[in-house]
Amino acid sequence: MRLTSFHSQFRSVGVNYNQIVKLLHKHFSEKKAAAFLYKFEKQTAEMAMLCQKIIQLTEEFEAKHLKKQP
């Protein structure tokens, strides 16, 4: 259940990401928006690496603890 909740939150982050990009282009000059987007991109890359680690840990947990008995 917690993993499902986390997945929902992660999808919400994607929606918010799109909204932020649109707002940056709407309210800032192209140069300033690009600077913010660069920082935002770095943070997104870190979040993607964290997501991959979460997937790996989840798969390891399932393999160890949720094996189906024949």
N, C-alpha and C. Protein backbone atom coordinates (compact mmCIF):
# COMPACT_ATOMS: atom_id res chain seq x y z
N MET A 1 0.82 -1.19 0.00
CA MET A 1 0.00 0.00 0.00
C MET A 1 0.87 1.26 0.00
N ARG A 2 1.94 1.23 0.77
CA ARG A 2 2.84 2.40 0.82
C ARG A 2 3.49 2.63 -0.53
N LEU A 3 3.84 1.55 -1.22
CA LEU A 3 4.48 1.69 -2.53
C LEU A 3 3.50 2.31 -3.53
N THR A 4 2.24 1.93 -3.45
CA THR A 4 1.22 2.52 -4.32
C THR A 4 1.09 4.01 -4.03
N SER A 5 1.08 4.36 -2.76
CA SER A 5 0.99 5.76 -2.37
C SER A 5 2.21 6.53 -2.88
N PHE A 6 3.38 5.92 -2.76
CA PHE A 6 4.60 6.57 -3.24
C PHE A 6 4.53 6.78 -4.74
N HIS A 7 4.03 5.79 -5.47
CA HIS A 7 3.92 5.91 -6.93
C HIS A 7 2.99 7.06 -7.30
N SER A 8 1.89 7.20 -6.58
CA SER A 8 0.96 8.31 -6.84
C SER A 8 1.64 9.65 -6.60
N GLN A 9 2.41 9.73 -5.53
CA GLN A 9 3.13 10.97 -5.24
C GLN A 9 4.16 11.25 -6.32
N PHE A 10 4.81 10.22 -6.81
CA PHE A 10 5.82 10.40 -7.84
C PHE A 10 5.18 10.91 -9.13
N ARG A 11 3.99 10.39 -9.47
CA ARG A 11 3.28 10.89 -10.65
C ARG A 11 2.90 12.36 -10.47
N SER A 12 2.51 12.73 -9.26
CA SER A 12 2.17 14.13 -8.98
C SER A 12 3.38 15.03 -9.20
N VAL A 13 4.55 14.54 -8.86
CA VAL A 13 5.78 15.31 -9.09
C VAL A 13 5.94 15.60 -10.58
N GLY A 14 5.64 14.61 -11.42
CA GLY A 14 5.73 14.81 -12.87
C GLY A 14 4.80 15.90 -13.36
N VAL A 15 3.58 15.92 -12.84
CA VAL A 15 2.62 16.96 -13.21
C VAL A 15 3.13 18.31 -12.75
N ASN A 16 3.61 18.39 -11.52
CA ASN A 16 4.15 19.64 -11.00
C ASN A 16 5.35 20.11 -11.79
N TYR A 17 6.18 19.17 -12.23
CA TYR A 17 7.35 19.48 -13.04
C TYR A 17 6.93 20.23 -14.29
N ASN A 18 5.94 19.70 -14.98
CA ASN A 18 5.45 20.35 -16.20
C ASN A 18 4.92 21.74 -15.92
N GLN A 19 4.20 21.90 -14.83
CA GLN A 19 3.66 23.21 -14.47
C GLN A 19 4.77 24.20 -14.17
N ILE A 20 5.81 23.76 -13.48
CA ILE A 20 6.93 24.64 -13.16
C ILE A 20 7.63 25.12 -14.43
N VAL A 21 7.86 24.21 -15.36
CA VAL A 21 8.53 24.59 -16.62
C VAL A 21 7.70 25.64 -17.35
N LYS A 22 6.40 25.45 -17.43
CA LYS A 22 5.53 26.42 -18.10
C LYS A 22 5.58 27.78 -17.41
N LEU A 23 5.53 27.76 -16.07
CA LEU A 23 5.56 29.03 -15.33
C LEU A 23 6.89 29.75 -15.47
N LEU A 24 7.98 29.01 -15.49
CA LEU A 24 9.29 29.65 -15.67
C LEU A 24 9.36 30.39 -17.00
N HIS A 25 8.88 29.74 -18.05
CA HIS A 25 8.92 30.38 -19.37
C HIS A 25 7.95 31.55 -19.46
N LYS A 26 6.88 31.49 -18.69
CA LYS A 26 5.88 32.56 -18.74
C LYS A 26 6.32 33.80 -17.97
N HIS A 27 7.01 33.62 -16.82
CA HIS A 27 7.27 34.75 -15.93
C HIS A 27 8.71 35.25 -15.91
N PHE A 28 9.63 34.56 -16.57
CA PHE A 28 11.03 34.98 -16.54
C PHE A 28 11.57 35.12 -17.96
N SER A 29 12.65 35.86 -18.06
CA SER A 29 13.32 35.97 -19.34
C SER A 29 13.87 34.60 -19.73
N GLU A 30 14.17 34.44 -20.99
CA GLU A 30 14.65 33.14 -21.45
C GLU A 30 15.95 32.75 -20.76
N LYS A 31 16.83 33.74 -20.55
CA LYS A 31 18.12 33.45 -19.91
C LYS A 31 17.92 33.01 -18.46
N LYS A 32 17.08 33.72 -17.74
CA LYS A 32 16.84 33.38 -16.33
C LYS A 32 16.09 32.05 -16.22
N ALA A 33 15.11 31.82 -17.09
CA ALA A 33 14.38 30.55 -17.09
C ALA A 33 15.34 29.40 -17.37
N ALA A 34 16.26 29.60 -18.29
CA ALA A 34 17.23 28.55 -18.62
C ALA A 34 18.12 28.23 -17.42
N ALA A 35 18.50 29.24 -16.67
CA ALA A 35 19.33 29.03 -15.48
C ALA A 35 18.57 28.22 -14.44
N PHE A 36 17.30 28.57 -14.22
CA PHE A 36 16.49 27.81 -13.28
C PHE A 36 16.28 26.38 -13.77
N LEU A 37 16.03 26.23 -15.05
CA LEU A 37 15.81 24.90 -15.61
C LEU A 37 17.06 24.02 -15.49
N TYR A 38 18.22 24.62 -15.61
CA TYR A 38 19.47 23.86 -15.46
C TYR A 38 19.55 23.28 -14.04
N LYS A 39 19.27 24.11 -13.04
CA LYS A 39 19.29 23.63 -11.66
C LYS A 39 18.21 22.57 -11.45
N PHE A 40 17.06 22.81 -12.01
CA PHE A 40 15.94 21.90 -11.90
C PHE A 40 16.26 20.55 -12.55
N GLU A 41 16.95 20.61 -13.68
CA GLU A 41 17.34 19.39 -14.38
C GLU A 41 18.30 18.55 -13.55
N LYS A 42 19.24 19.21 -12.88
CA LYS A 42 20.18 18.48 -12.02
C LYS A 42 19.45 17.78 -10.89
N GLN A 43 18.50 18.46 -10.28
CA GLN A 43 17.72 17.86 -9.19
C GLN A 43 16.87 16.70 -9.71
N THR A 44 16.36 16.84 -10.91
CA THR A 44 15.55 15.78 -11.52
C THR A 44 16.40 14.55 -11.78
N ALA A 45 17.62 14.73 -12.23
CA ALA A 45 18.53 13.60 -12.47
C ALA A 45 18.80 12.86 -11.16
N GLU A 46 18.99 13.61 -10.09
CA GLU A 46 19.20 12.98 -8.78
C GLU A 46 17.96 12.20 -8.35
N MET A 47 16.79 12.76 -8.61
CA MET A 47 15.55 12.08 -8.25
C MET A 47 15.38 10.81 -9.09
N ALA A 48 15.76 10.84 -10.35
CA ALA A 48 15.67 9.66 -11.20
C ALA A 48 16.59 8.55 -10.70
N MET A 49 17.78 8.91 -10.26
CA MET A 49 18.70 7.91 -9.71
C MET A 49 18.11 7.31 -8.43
N LEU A 50 17.51 8.14 -7.61
CA LEU A 50 16.87 7.65 -6.39
C LEU A 50 15.72 6.71 -6.72
N CYS A 51 14.96 7.05 -7.73
CA CYS A 51 13.85 6.21 -8.16
C CYS A 51 14.35 4.84 -8.61
N GLN A 52 15.44 4.82 -9.36
CA GLN A 52 16.02 3.55 -9.81
C GLN A 52 16.46 2.71 -8.61
N LYS A 53 17.02 3.35 -7.61
CA LYS A 53 17.43 2.64 -6.40
C LYS A 53 16.22 2.06 -5.67
N ILE A 54 15.14 2.82 -5.62
CA ILE A 54 13.91 2.35 -4.98
C ILE A 54 13.37 1.13 -5.72
N ILE A 55 13.38 1.18 -7.03
CA ILE A 55 12.91 0.04 -7.83
C ILE A 55 13.78 -1.18 -7.55
N GLN A 56 15.08 -0.99 -7.52
CA GLN A 56 16.00 -2.09 -7.24
C GLN A 56 15.73 -2.70 -5.87
N LEU A 57 15.59 -1.85 -4.86
CA LEU A 57 15.33 -2.34 -3.51
C LEU A 57 13.98 -3.06 -3.42
N THR A 58 13.00 -2.55 -4.12
CA THR A 58 11.68 -3.19 -4.13
C THR A 58 11.77 -4.57 -4.76
N GLU A 59 12.49 -4.68 -5.87
CA GLU A 59 12.65 -5.98 -6.52
C GLU A 59 13.40 -6.96 -5.62
N GLU A 60 14.42 -6.47 -4.93
CA GLU A 60 15.16 -7.33 -4.01
C GLU A 60 14.26 -7.80 -2.86
N PHE A 61 13.46 -6.89 -2.34
CA PHE A 61 12.54 -7.24 -1.25
C PHE A 61 11.55 -8.30 -1.72
N GLU A 62 10.97 -8.09 -2.90
CA GLU A 62 10.00 -9.05 -3.43
C GLU A 62 10.64 -10.42 -3.62
N ALA A 63 11.84 -10.44 -4.14
CA ALA A 63 12.53 -11.72 -4.38
C ALA A 63 12.82 -12.45 -3.07
N LYS A 64 13.18 -11.72 -2.04
CA LYS A 64 13.52 -12.35 -0.76
C LYS A 64 12.32 -12.70 0.08
N HIS A 65 11.33 -11.83 0.12
CA HIS A 65 10.27 -11.97 1.11
C HIS A 65 8.90 -12.27 0.54
N LEU A 66 8.71 -12.11 -0.73
CA LEU A 66 7.38 -12.33 -1.29
C LEU A 66 7.36 -13.46 -2.32
N LYS A 67 8.29 -14.37 -2.20
CA LYS A 67 8.33 -15.50 -3.12
C LYS A 67 7.06 -16.32 -2.94
N LYS A 68 6.48 -16.68 -4.07
CA LYS A 68 5.28 -17.52 -4.01
C LYS A 68 5.70 -18.97 -3.84
N GLN A 69 5.04 -19.62 -2.94
CA GLN A 69 5.33 -21.03 -2.68
C GLN A 69 4.56 -21.88 -3.69
N PRO A 70 5.23 -22.87 -4.33
CA PRO A 70 4.53 -23.73 -5.31
C PRO A 70 3.57 -24.69 -4.65
